[in-house]
Amino acid sequence: MTQSQNQTTQTPIQVAILMGSRSDESLVIPAADLLQQLGIAHEVRVLSAHRTPADTAALATSARERGIRVFICAAGGAAHLAGAVAAHTTLPVIGLPLARTPLAGQDALLATVQMPRGMPVATVAIDGAYNAALLAAQILATADEALAQKLVELRQGMADRVRADDSALRSERAATSA
């Protein structure tokens, strides 16, 4: 996974995907892949709320001037990354709790969801990287009609696949019961 789509296109990065540890990369890939598919410039970084708090704060406070419009913050266990970012920016922050502990992500989910008043973090399902990217895209699409159309087409593709599966299942079941 490349750190930044921006390196080759010179398009301002719109989404920053942050993970608490390099070991989280495989769980974050679906988010980066969907953003890539939708043509959304993004970067992927390893930052820790506990081990690199100054770096995390610096990125969050400089994000708006860099053109970043949404954060996706993935972390397991204590999962304070999303909250640490939210404390330093008014940009939307999407928390992505990861199943990295014996509690299967329940600890990360609660840590991400239970933010104090005034520090909102939108939270997706445990290991829900795809939906985190989709939510980021929907936020961006409020001001980008071309992206909004891509999202309509993406949803239509999902519906088409369900209809095809339904048709195939019904045909198979009809053949076995005849």
C-alpha atoms as a PDB file:
ATOM      1  CA  MET A   1       0.000   0.000   0.000  1.00  0.00           C
ATOM      2  CA  THR A   2       1.429   3.369  -0.882  1.00  0.00           C
ATOM      3  CA  GLN A   3       1.546   6.072   1.718  1.00  0.00           C
ATOM      4  CA  SER A   4      -0.105   8.596  -0.526  1.00  0.00           C
ATOM      5  CA  GLN A   5      -2.014   8.708  -3.750  1.00  0.00           C
ATOM      6  CA  ASN A   6      -0.918  12.344  -3.815  1.00  0.00           C
ATOM      7  CA  GLN A   7       2.688  11.460  -4.637  1.00  0.00           C
ATOM      8  CA  THR A   8       1.895  10.712  -8.271  1.00  0.00           C
ATOM      9  CA  THR A   9      -1.166  12.865  -8.978  1.00  0.00           C
ATOM     10  CA  GLN A  10      -0.339  16.049  -7.039  1.00  0.00           C
ATOM     11  CA  THR A  11      -4.015  16.155  -6.061  1.00  0.00           C
ATOM     12  CA  PRO A  12      -4.523  17.503  -2.557  1.00  0.00           C
ATOM     13  CA  ILE A  13      -5.085  14.686  -0.117  1.00  0.00           C
ATOM     14  CA  GLN A  14      -8.721  14.666   0.972  1.00  0.00           C
ATOM     15  CA  VAL A  15      -8.756  11.705   3.363  1.00  0.00           C
ATOM     16  CA  ALA A  16      -6.102  10.797   5.903  1.00  0.00           C
ATOM     17  CA  ILE A  17      -6.236   7.164   7.016  1.00  0.00           C
ATOM     18  CA  LEU A  18      -4.384   6.751  10.289  1.00  0.00           C
ATOM     19  CA  MET A  19      -3.644   3.497  12.064  1.00  0.00           C
ATOM     20  CA  GLY A  20      -2.200   2.993  15.498  1.00  0.00           C
ATOM     21  CA  SER A  21       0.252   0.301  14.412  1.00  0.00           C
ATOM     22  CA  ARG A  22       1.730  -1.046  11.193  1.00  0.00           C
ATOM     23  CA  SER A  23       0.242  -4.415  12.150  1.00  0.00           C
ATOM     24  CA  ASP A  24      -3.203  -2.874  11.479  1.00  0.00           C
ATOM     25  CA  GLU A  25      -2.416  -2.371   7.795  1.00  0.00           C
ATOM     26  CA  SER A  26      -4.196  -5.491   6.523  1.00  0.00           C
ATOM     27  CA  LEU A  27      -7.403  -4.389   8.249  1.00  0.00           C
ATOM     28  CA  VAL A  28      -7.179  -0.879   6.774  1.00  0.00           C
ATOM     29  CA  ILE A  29      -6.513  -1.915   3.156  1.00  0.00           C
ATOM     30  CA  PRO A  30     -10.229  -2.132   2.223  1.00  0.00           C
ATOM     31  CA  ALA A  31     -10.618   1.574   3.058  1.00  0.00           C
ATOM     32  CA  ALA A  32      -7.649   2.607   0.947  1.00  0.00           C
ATOM     33  CA  ASP A  33      -8.791   0.359  -1.900  1.00  0.00           C
ATOM     34  CA  LEU A  34     -12.282   1.877  -1.988  1.00  0.00           C
ATOM     35  CA  LEU A  35     -10.946   5.430  -1.869  1.00  0.00           C
ATOM     36  CA  GLN A  36      -8.609   4.539  -4.735  1.00  0.00           C
ATOM     37  CA  GLN A  37     -11.518   3.046  -6.710  1.00  0.00           C
ATOM     38  CA  LEU A  38     -13.542   6.236  -6.208  1.00  0.00           C
ATOM     39  CA  GLY A  39     -10.620   8.459  -7.211  1.00  0.00           C
ATOM     40  CA  ILE A  40     -10.306  10.087  -3.793  1.00  0.00           C
ATOM     41  CA  ALA A  41      -6.801  11.280  -2.957  1.00  0.00           C
ATOM     42  CA  HIS A  42      -5.685   9.871   0.375  1.00  0.00           C
ATOM     43  CA  GLU A  43      -2.712   9.040   2.518  1.00  0.00           C
ATOM     44  CA  VAL A  44      -2.114   6.182   4.926  1.00  0.00           C
ATOM     45  CA  ARG A  45      -0.052   6.813   8.052  1.00  0.00           C
ATOM     46  CA  VAL A  46       0.990   5.068  11.265  1.00  0.00           C
ATOM     47  CA  LEU A  47       0.507   7.376  14.247  1.00  0.00           C
ATOM     48  CA  SER A  48      -0.116   6.546  17.870  1.00  0.00           C
ATOM     49  CA  ALA A  49      -2.174   8.518  20.357  1.00  0.00           C
ATOM     50  CA  HIS A  50       0.167   7.224  23.077  1.00  0.00           C
ATOM     51  CA  ARG A  51       3.583   6.744  21.460  1.00  0.00           C
ATOM     52  CA  THR A  52       3.597   9.728  19.061  1.00  0.00           C
ATOM     53  CA  PRO A  53       1.082  12.173  20.542  1.00  0.00           C
ATOM     54  CA  ALA A  54       2.893  15.280  19.288  1.00  0.00           C
ATOM     55  CA  ASP A  55       3.031  13.917  15.726  1.00  0.00           C
ATOM     56  CA  THR A  56      -0.653  13.002  15.899  1.00  0.00           C
ATOM     57  CA  ALA A  57      -1.586  16.479  17.133  1.00  0.00           C
ATOM     58  CA  ALA A  58       0.607  18.147  14.503  1.00  0.00           C
ATOM     59  CA  LEU A  59      -1.051  16.239  11.676  1.00  0.00           C
ATOM     60  CA  ALA A  60      -4.534  16.973  13.002  1.00  0.00           C
ATOM     61  CA  THR A  61      -3.871  20.692  13.445  1.00  0.00           C
ATOM     62  CA  SER A  62      -2.266  21.102  10.001  1.00  0.00           C
ATOM     63  CA  ALA A  63      -4.802  18.975   8.126  1.00  0.00           C
ATOM     64  CA  ARG A  64      -7.168  21.708   6.988  1.00  0.00           C
ATOM     65  CA  GLU A  65      -4.386  23.803   5.446  1.00  0.00           C
ATOM     66  CA  ARG A  66      -3.123  20.677   3.635  1.00  0.00           C
ATOM     67  CA  GLY A  67      -6.575  20.099   2.107  1.00  0.00           C
ATOM     68  CA  ILE A  68      -7.492  17.075   4.194  1.00  0.00           C
ATOM     69  CA  ARG A  69     -11.252  17.043   4.703  1.00  0.00           C
ATOM     70  CA  VAL A  70     -11.889  13.771   6.576  1.00  0.00           C
ATOM     71  CA  PHE A  71      -9.932  11.477   8.905  1.00  0.00           C
ATOM     72  CA  ILE A  72     -10.328   7.721   9.249  1.00  0.00           C
ATOM     73  CA  CYS A  73      -8.619   6.577  12.449  1.00  0.00           C
ATOM     74  CA  ALA A  74      -8.135   2.835  12.961  1.00  0.00           C
ATOM     75  CA  ALA A  75      -7.027   1.394  16.280  1.00  0.00           C
ATOM     76  CA  GLY A  76      -7.553  -1.600  18.523  1.00  0.00           C
ATOM     77  CA  GLY A  77      -7.462  -2.038  22.276  1.00  0.00           C
ATOM     78  CA  ALA A  78      -7.571   1.326  24.028  1.00  0.00           C
ATOM     79  CA  ALA A  79      -8.291   2.897  20.607  1.00  0.00           C
ATOM     80  CA  HIS A  80      -7.637   6.503  21.576  1.00  0.00           C
ATOM     81  CA  LEU A  81      -6.366   7.581  18.145  1.00  0.00           C
ATOM     82  CA  ALA A  82      -9.693   8.893  16.816  1.00  0.00           C
ATOM     83  CA  GLY A  83     -10.314  10.848  20.002  1.00  0.00           C
ATOM     84  CA  ALA A  84      -6.803  12.277  19.991  1.00  0.00           C
ATOM     85  CA  VAL A  85      -7.302  13.489  16.427  1.00  0.00           C
ATOM     86  CA  ALA A  86     -10.781  14.865  17.177  1.00  0.00           C
ATOM     87  CA  ALA A  87      -9.316  16.860  20.065  1.00  0.00           C
ATOM     88  CA  HIS A  88      -7.083  18.754  17.617  1.00  0.00           C
ATOM     89  CA  THR A  89      -9.362  19.381  14.619  1.00  0.00           C
ATOM     90  CA  THR A  90     -12.901  20.322  13.702  1.00  0.00           C
ATOM     91  CA  LEU A  91     -12.745  18.157  10.574  1.00  0.00           C
ATOM     92  CA  PRO A  92     -14.891  15.002  10.524  1.00  0.00           C
ATOM     93  CA  VAL A  93     -13.226  12.037  12.233  1.00  0.00           C
ATOM     94  CA  ILE A  94     -14.372   8.491  11.543  1.00  0.00           C
ATOM     95  CA  GLY A  95     -13.324   5.930  14.127  1.00  0.00           C
ATOM     96  CA  LEU A  96     -12.549   2.423  12.922  1.00  0.00           C
ATOM     97  CA  PRO A  97     -12.309   0.045  15.896  1.00  0.00           C
ATOM     98  CA  LEU A  98     -10.164  -3.012  15.217  1.00  0.00           C
ATOM     99  CA  ALA A  99     -10.379  -6.525  16.643  1.00  0.00           C
ATOM    100  CA  ARG A 100      -6.793  -6.772  17.899  1.00  0.00           C
ATOM    101  CA  THR A 101      -7.267  -8.002  21.468  1.00  0.00           C
ATOM    102  CA  PRO A 102      -8.827 -10.991  23.256  1.00  0.00           C
ATOM    103  CA  LEU A 103     -11.978  -8.856  23.547  1.00  0.00           C
ATOM    104  CA  ALA A 104     -12.396  -9.079  19.740  1.00  0.00           C
ATOM    105  CA  GLY A 105     -12.661  -5.332  19.264  1.00  0.00           C
ATOM    106  CA  GLN A 106     -15.365  -4.683  21.861  1.00  0.00           C
ATOM    107  CA  ASP A 107     -12.880  -2.620  23.883  1.00  0.00           C
ATOM    108  CA  ALA A 108     -11.901  -0.602  20.811  1.00  0.00           C
ATOM    109  CA  LEU A 109     -15.545  -0.070  19.860  1.00  0.00           C
ATOM    110  CA  LEU A 110     -16.459   1.294  23.280  1.00  0.00           C
ATOM    111  CA  ALA A 111     -13.346   3.480  23.454  1.00  0.00           C
ATOM    112  CA  THR A 112     -14.145   4.943  20.037  1.00  0.00           C
ATOM    113  CA  VAL A 113     -17.868   5.453  20.574  1.00  0.00           C
ATOM    114  CA  GLN A 114     -17.730   6.928  24.084  1.00  0.00           C
ATOM    115  CA  MET A 115     -16.380  10.374  23.279  1.00  0.00           C
ATOM    116  CA  PRO A 116     -17.078  13.333  25.549  1.00  0.00           C
ATOM    117  CA  ARG A 117     -19.520  16.047  24.570  1.00  0.00           C
ATOM    118  CA  GLY A 118     -18.021  18.384  21.983  1.00  0.00           C
ATOM    119  CA  MET A 119     -15.526  15.853  20.572  1.00  0.00           C
ATOM    120  CA  PRO A 120     -17.599  13.774  18.138  1.00  0.00           C
ATOM    121  CA  VAL A 121     -16.192  10.726  16.394  1.00  0.00           C
ATOM    122  CA  ALA A 122     -18.416   8.945  13.887  1.00  0.00           C
ATOM    123  CA  THR A 123     -17.849   5.237  14.432  1.00  0.00           C
ATOM    124  CA  VAL A 124     -18.256   2.283  12.082  1.00  0.00           C
ATOM    125  CA  ALA A 125     -18.370  -1.419  12.887  1.00  0.00           C
ATOM    126  CA  ILE A 126     -15.418  -3.359  14.250  1.00  0.00           C
ATOM    127  CA  ASP A 127     -13.047  -3.998  11.315  1.00  0.00           C
ATOM    128  CA  GLY A 128     -15.446  -1.965   9.117  1.00  0.00           C
ATOM    129  CA  ALA A 129     -12.795  -0.323   6.929  1.00  0.00           C
ATOM    130  CA  TYR A 130     -14.918  -0.439   3.765  1.00  0.00           C
ATOM    131  CA  ASN A 131     -17.786   1.400   5.460  1.00  0.00           C
ATOM    132  CA  ALA A 132     -15.364   3.916   6.970  1.00  0.00           C
ATOM    133  CA  ALA A 133     -14.165   4.791   3.474  1.00  0.00           C
ATOM    134  CA  LEU A 134     -17.726   4.845   2.170  1.00  0.00           C
ATOM    135  CA  LEU A 135     -18.740   7.265   4.930  1.00  0.00           C
ATOM    136  CA  ALA A 136     -15.740   9.473   4.143  1.00  0.00           C
ATOM    137  CA  ALA A 137     -16.763   9.454   0.468  1.00  0.00           C
ATOM    138  CA  GLN A 138     -20.344  10.365   1.367  1.00  0.00           C
ATOM    139  CA  ILE A 139     -19.103  13.304   3.438  1.00  0.00           C
ATOM    140  CA  LEU A 140     -16.984  14.510   0.518  1.00  0.00           C
ATOM    141  CA  ALA A 141     -19.851  13.946  -1.931  1.00  0.00           C
ATOM    142  CA  THR A 142     -21.973  16.581  -0.189  1.00  0.00           C
ATOM    143  CA  ALA A 143     -19.873  19.118  -2.108  1.00  0.00           C
ATOM    144  CA  ASP A 144     -18.874  17.006  -5.151  1.00  0.00           C
ATOM    145  CA  GLU A 145     -21.617  16.020  -7.583  1.00  0.00           C
ATOM    146  CA  ALA A 146     -19.326  13.767  -9.658  1.00  0.00           C
ATOM    147  CA  LEU A 147     -18.396  11.792  -6.549  1.00  0.00           C
ATOM    148  CA  ALA A 148     -22.061  11.646  -5.526  1.00  0.00           C
ATOM    149  CA  GLN A 149     -22.823  10.047  -8.901  1.00  0.00           C
ATOM    150  CA  LYS A 150     -20.040   7.487  -8.395  1.00  0.00           C
ATOM    151  CA  LEU A 151     -21.637   6.546  -5.086  1.00  0.00           C
ATOM    152  CA  VAL A 152     -25.032   6.120  -6.759  1.00  0.00           C
ATOM    153  CA  GLU A 153     -23.381   3.826  -9.321  1.00  0.00           C
ATOM    154  CA  LEU A 154     -21.591   1.888  -6.578  1.00  0.00           C
ATOM    155  CA  ARG A 155     -24.880   1.268  -4.788  1.00  0.00           C
ATOM    156  CA  GLN A 156     -26.554   0.278  -8.051  1.00  0.00           C
ATOM    157  CA  GLY A 157     -23.764  -2.253  -8.613  1.00  0.00           C
ATOM    158  CA  MET A 158     -24.407  -3.703  -5.153  1.00  0.00           C
ATOM    159  CA  ALA A 159     -28.120  -4.011  -5.904  1.00  0.00           C
ATOM    160  CA  ASP A 160     -27.396  -5.619  -9.274  1.00  0.00           C
ATOM    161  CA  ARG A 161     -25.175  -8.245  -7.600  1.00  0.00           C
ATOM    162  CA  VAL A 162     -27.881  -9.088  -5.053  1.00  0.00           C
ATOM    163  CA  ARG A 163     -30.470  -9.423  -7.826  1.00  0.00           C
ATOM    164  CA  ALA A 164     -28.125 -11.667  -9.825  1.00  0.00           C
ATOM    165  CA  ASP A 165     -27.510 -13.850  -6.755  1.00  0.00           C
ATOM    166  CA  ASP A 166     -31.251 -14.056  -6.121  1.00  0.00           C
ATOM    167  CA  SER A 167     -31.947 -15.047  -9.709  1.00  0.00           C
ATOM    168  CA  ALA A 168     -29.194 -17.679  -9.698  1.00  0.00           C
ATOM    169  CA  LEU A 169     -30.399 -19.152  -6.405  1.00  0.00           C
ATOM    170  CA  ARG A 170     -34.003 -19.297  -7.565  1.00  0.00           C
ATOM    171  CA  SER A 171     -32.953 -20.983 -10.819  1.00  0.00           C
ATOM    172  CA  GLU A 172     -30.808 -23.539  -8.972  1.00  0.00           C
ATOM    173  CA  ARG A 173     -33.573 -24.284  -6.455  1.00  0.00           C
ATOM    174  CA  ALA A 174     -36.150 -24.647  -9.230  1.00  0.00           C
ATOM    175  CA  ALA A 175     -33.880 -27.100 -11.063  1.00  0.00           C
ATOM    176  CA  THR A 176     -33.353 -29.262  -7.956  1.00  0.00           C
ATOM    177  CA  SER A 177     -37.034 -29.355  -7.020  1.00  0.00           C
ATOM    178  CA  ALA A 178     -38.242 -30.234 -10.511  1.00  0.00           C
END
